[in-house]
Protein backbone atom coordinates (compact mmCIF):
# COMPACT_ATOMS: atom_id res chain seq x y z
CA MET A 1 0.00 0.00 0.00
CA THR A 2 2.90 2.36 0.76
CA GLU A 3 4.41 1.74 -2.66
CA LEU A 4 1.12 2.58 -4.32
CA GLY A 5 0.90 5.81 -2.33
CA LEU A 6 4.43 6.75 -3.33
CA ALA A 7 3.69 5.97 -6.97
CA TYR A 8 0.60 8.17 -6.91
CA ALA A 9 2.51 10.99 -5.21
CA ALA A 10 5.27 10.75 -7.81
CA MET A 11 2.73 10.75 -10.64
CA ILE A 12 0.97 13.82 -9.24
CA GLY A 13 4.33 15.54 -8.84
CA LEU A 14 5.32 14.80 -12.43
CA ILE A 15 1.98 16.04 -13.75
CA GLY A 16 2.34 19.19 -11.65
CA ALA A 17 5.82 19.84 -13.00
CA TYR A 18 4.58 19.31 -16.57
CA VAL A 19 1.66 21.70 -16.10
CA TYR A 20 3.97 24.29 -14.49
CA ARG A 21 6.36 24.14 -17.47
CA LEU A 22 3.42 24.35 -19.87
CA VAL A 23 2.05 27.46 -18.18
CA ILE A 24 5.49 29.12 -18.22
CA ARG A 25 5.80 28.38 -21.96
CA LEU A 26 2.33 29.80 -22.61
CA TYR A 27 3.17 33.03 -20.76
CA ASP A 28 6.40 33.28 -22.76
CA LEU A 29 4.51 32.70 -26.01
CA ASP A 30 1.95 35.34 -25.05
CA ALA A 31 4.72 37.85 -24.39
CA ARG A 32 6.35 37.08 -27.74
CA LEU A 33 3.05 37.44 -29.59
CA ALA A 34 2.39 40.77 -27.89
CA ALA A 35 5.84 42.00 -28.92
CA VAL A 36 5.25 40.97 -32.53
CA GLU A 37 1.82 42.62 -32.55
CA ASP A 38 3.35 45.83 -31.19
CA ALA A 39 6.06 45.76 -33.84
CA VAL A 40 3.56 45.17 -36.63
CA SER A 41 1.22 47.90 -35.41
CA ALA A 42 4.18 50.30 -35.17
CA ASP A 43 5.14 49.50 -38.79
CA GLU A 44 1.58 50.02 -40.00
CA SER A 45 1.31 53.45 -38.38
CA GLU A 46 4.38 54.76 -40.22
């Protein structure tokens, strides 16, 4: 029973780490898209 509990805890930890990395990547992607949109809108206004 202890081994099963440890396996579940490890699985939850791995899923948590994956989700954390995914959220960080999405925030980075959002920042990059905002920068590109700002650059494009600056070019269009010239």
